[in-house]
Amino acid sequence: MNKKQATHLYALVYPIIRNKKTAKKIVIDMLRNDQKLGEKELARKAINRAIETVKR
């Protein structure tokens, strides 16, 4: 897990969700599950998951 990636993903996800705990959970899940994806793909997946979470 790279601190730079985690910070970047959190900065993208938090404004969408507005919940620190949920945003942190999404970032950790993305970085654990998708180690081989590039930074852009991780960001895209994290944002999509954040949007799905807000819609629920």
N, C-alpha and C. Protein backbone atom coordinates (compact mmCIF):
# COMPACT_ATOMS: atom_id res chain seq x y z
N MET A 1 0.84 -1.17 0.00
CA MET A 1 0.00 0.00 0.00
C MET A 1 0.89 1.24 0.00
N ASN A 2 0.64 2.09 -0.92
CA ASN A 2 1.42 3.29 -1.08
C ASN A 2 0.68 4.47 -0.45
N LYS A 3 1.37 5.23 0.41
CA LYS A 3 0.72 6.36 1.08
C LYS A 3 0.24 7.41 0.09
N LYS A 4 1.02 7.60 -0.96
CA LYS A 4 0.65 8.60 -1.96
C LYS A 4 -0.64 8.20 -2.67
N GLN A 5 -0.75 6.93 -3.04
CA GLN A 5 -1.97 6.43 -3.68
C GLN A 5 -3.16 6.54 -2.74
N ALA A 6 -2.96 6.15 -1.50
CA ALA A 6 -4.05 6.18 -0.52
C ALA A 6 -4.55 7.61 -0.32
N THR A 7 -3.64 8.55 -0.21
CA THR A 7 -4.01 9.95 -0.02
C THR A 7 -4.76 10.48 -1.23
N HIS A 8 -4.29 10.12 -2.41
CA HIS A 8 -4.93 10.58 -3.64
C HIS A 8 -6.35 10.02 -3.76
N LEU A 9 -6.50 8.72 -3.51
CA LEU A 9 -7.83 8.10 -3.58
C LEU A 9 -8.77 8.70 -2.54
N TYR A 10 -8.28 8.91 -1.34
CA TYR A 10 -9.11 9.49 -0.28
C TYR A 10 -9.57 10.89 -0.66
N ALA A 11 -8.67 11.66 -1.26
CA ALA A 11 -9.02 13.01 -1.68
C ALA A 11 -10.08 13.00 -2.79
N LEU A 12 -10.12 11.97 -3.58
CA LEU A 12 -11.13 11.86 -4.63
C LEU A 12 -12.46 11.35 -4.08
N VAL A 13 -12.40 10.41 -3.14
CA VAL A 13 -13.61 9.73 -2.66
C VAL A 13 -14.34 10.54 -1.59
N TYR A 14 -13.62 11.16 -0.69
CA TYR A 14 -14.26 11.84 0.45
C TYR A 14 -15.28 12.92 0.06
N PRO A 15 -15.00 13.79 -0.92
CA PRO A 15 -16.01 14.80 -1.26
C PRO A 15 -17.32 14.21 -1.80
N ILE A 16 -17.25 13.02 -2.37
CA ILE A 16 -18.46 12.38 -2.89
C ILE A 16 -19.29 11.81 -1.75
N ILE A 17 -18.63 11.16 -0.80
CA ILE A 17 -19.32 10.44 0.26
C ILE A 17 -19.62 11.32 1.47
N ARG A 18 -18.69 12.17 1.85
CA ARG A 18 -18.81 13.04 3.03
C ARG A 18 -18.90 12.24 4.32
N ASN A 19 -18.26 11.10 4.36
CA ASN A 19 -18.22 10.28 5.56
C ASN A 19 -16.81 9.70 5.65
N LYS A 20 -16.07 10.09 6.69
CA LYS A 20 -14.67 9.69 6.79
C LYS A 20 -14.50 8.18 6.89
N LYS A 21 -15.33 7.54 7.70
CA LYS A 21 -15.20 6.11 7.93
C LYS A 21 -15.45 5.31 6.64
N THR A 22 -16.50 5.65 5.92
CA THR A 22 -16.82 4.95 4.68
C THR A 22 -15.78 5.21 3.61
N ALA A 23 -15.31 6.44 3.51
CA ALA A 23 -14.28 6.78 2.52
C ALA A 23 -13.00 6.01 2.79
N LYS A 24 -12.62 5.94 4.05
CA LYS A 24 -11.41 5.20 4.42
C LYS A 24 -11.56 3.72 4.10
N LYS A 25 -12.74 3.17 4.35
CA LYS A 25 -13.00 1.76 4.06
C LYS A 25 -12.89 1.47 2.56
N ILE A 26 -13.45 2.34 1.75
CA ILE A 26 -13.39 2.16 0.30
C ILE A 26 -11.95 2.22 -0.18
N VAL A 27 -11.17 3.17 0.31
CA VAL A 27 -9.77 3.31 -0.10
C VAL A 27 -8.98 2.07 0.28
N ILE A 28 -9.14 1.59 1.49
CA ILE A 28 -8.40 0.41 1.94
C ILE A 28 -8.79 -0.81 1.11
N ASP A 29 -10.09 -0.99 0.85
CA ASP A 29 -10.54 -2.12 0.03
C ASP A 29 -9.97 -2.06 -1.38
N MET A 30 -9.97 -0.88 -1.97
CA MET A 30 -9.44 -0.72 -3.33
C MET A 30 -7.95 -1.07 -3.38
N LEU A 31 -7.19 -0.61 -2.42
CA LEU A 31 -5.74 -0.84 -2.44
C LEU A 31 -5.40 -2.29 -2.10
N ARG A 32 -6.20 -2.95 -1.29
CA ARG A 32 -5.94 -4.35 -0.97
C ARG A 32 -6.29 -5.28 -2.13
N ASN A 33 -7.43 -5.04 -2.76
CA ASN A 33 -7.93 -5.95 -3.78
C ASN A 33 -7.28 -5.76 -5.15
N ASP A 34 -6.88 -4.56 -5.47
CA ASP A 34 -6.43 -4.25 -6.83
C ASP A 34 -4.98 -3.80 -6.85
N GLN A 35 -4.08 -4.66 -6.44
CA GLN A 35 -2.66 -4.31 -6.37
C GLN A 35 -2.03 -4.11 -7.75
N LYS A 36 -2.52 -4.81 -8.76
CA LYS A 36 -1.85 -4.79 -10.06
C LYS A 36 -2.40 -3.73 -11.01
N LEU A 37 -3.45 -3.02 -10.61
CA LEU A 37 -4.01 -1.99 -11.48
C LEU A 37 -3.20 -0.70 -11.37
N GLY A 38 -3.27 0.09 -12.39
CA GLY A 38 -2.59 1.38 -12.38
C GLY A 38 -3.34 2.39 -11.53
N GLU A 39 -2.74 3.54 -11.37
CA GLU A 39 -3.33 4.57 -10.51
C GLU A 39 -4.65 5.10 -11.07
N LYS A 40 -4.73 5.24 -12.39
CA LYS A 40 -5.97 5.75 -13.00
C LYS A 40 -7.11 4.76 -12.85
N GLU A 41 -6.82 3.47 -13.03
CA GLU A 41 -7.86 2.46 -12.90
C GLU A 41 -8.36 2.37 -11.46
N LEU A 42 -7.43 2.47 -10.50
CA LEU A 42 -7.82 2.46 -9.09
C LEU A 42 -8.72 3.65 -8.77
N ALA A 43 -8.35 4.81 -9.27
CA ALA A 43 -9.15 6.01 -9.01
C ALA A 43 -10.54 5.86 -9.62
N ARG A 44 -10.61 5.34 -10.82
CA ARG A 44 -11.89 5.16 -11.49
C ARG A 44 -12.78 4.20 -10.72
N LYS A 45 -12.21 3.08 -10.27
CA LYS A 45 -12.98 2.10 -9.51
C LYS A 45 -13.44 2.67 -8.17
N ALA A 46 -12.57 3.40 -7.51
CA ALA A 46 -12.91 3.99 -6.21
C ALA A 46 -14.03 5.01 -6.35
N ILE A 47 -13.97 5.83 -7.38
CA ILE A 47 -15.01 6.84 -7.60
C ILE A 47 -16.34 6.17 -7.93
N ASN A 48 -16.31 5.15 -8.78
CA ASN A 48 -17.54 4.43 -9.11
C ASN A 48 -18.16 3.79 -7.88
N ARG A 49 -17.33 3.21 -7.04
CA ARG A 49 -17.85 2.59 -5.82
C ARG A 49 -18.42 3.64 -4.87
N ALA A 50 -17.79 4.79 -4.79
CA ALA A 50 -18.29 5.87 -3.94
C ALA A 50 -19.66 6.36 -4.43
N ILE A 51 -19.80 6.48 -5.73
CA ILE A 51 -21.08 6.91 -6.30
C ILE A 51 -22.16 5.87 -6.03
N GLU A 52 -21.83 4.59 -6.17
CA GLU A 52 -22.79 3.53 -5.86
C GLU A 52 -23.21 3.57 -4.40
N THR A 53 -22.26 3.85 -3.51
CA THR A 53 -22.55 3.91 -2.08
C THR A 53 -23.49 5.07 -1.78
N VAL A 54 -23.30 6.19 -2.43
CA VAL A 54 -24.15 7.36 -2.20
C VAL A 54 -25.57 7.11 -2.72
N LYS A 55 -25.69 6.39 -3.82
CA LYS A 55 -27.01 6.12 -4.40
C LYS A 55 -27.87 5.22 -3.51
N ARG A 56 -27.24 4.39 -2.68
CA ARG A 56 -28.00 3.46 -1.84
C ARG A 56 -28.76 4.15 -0.78
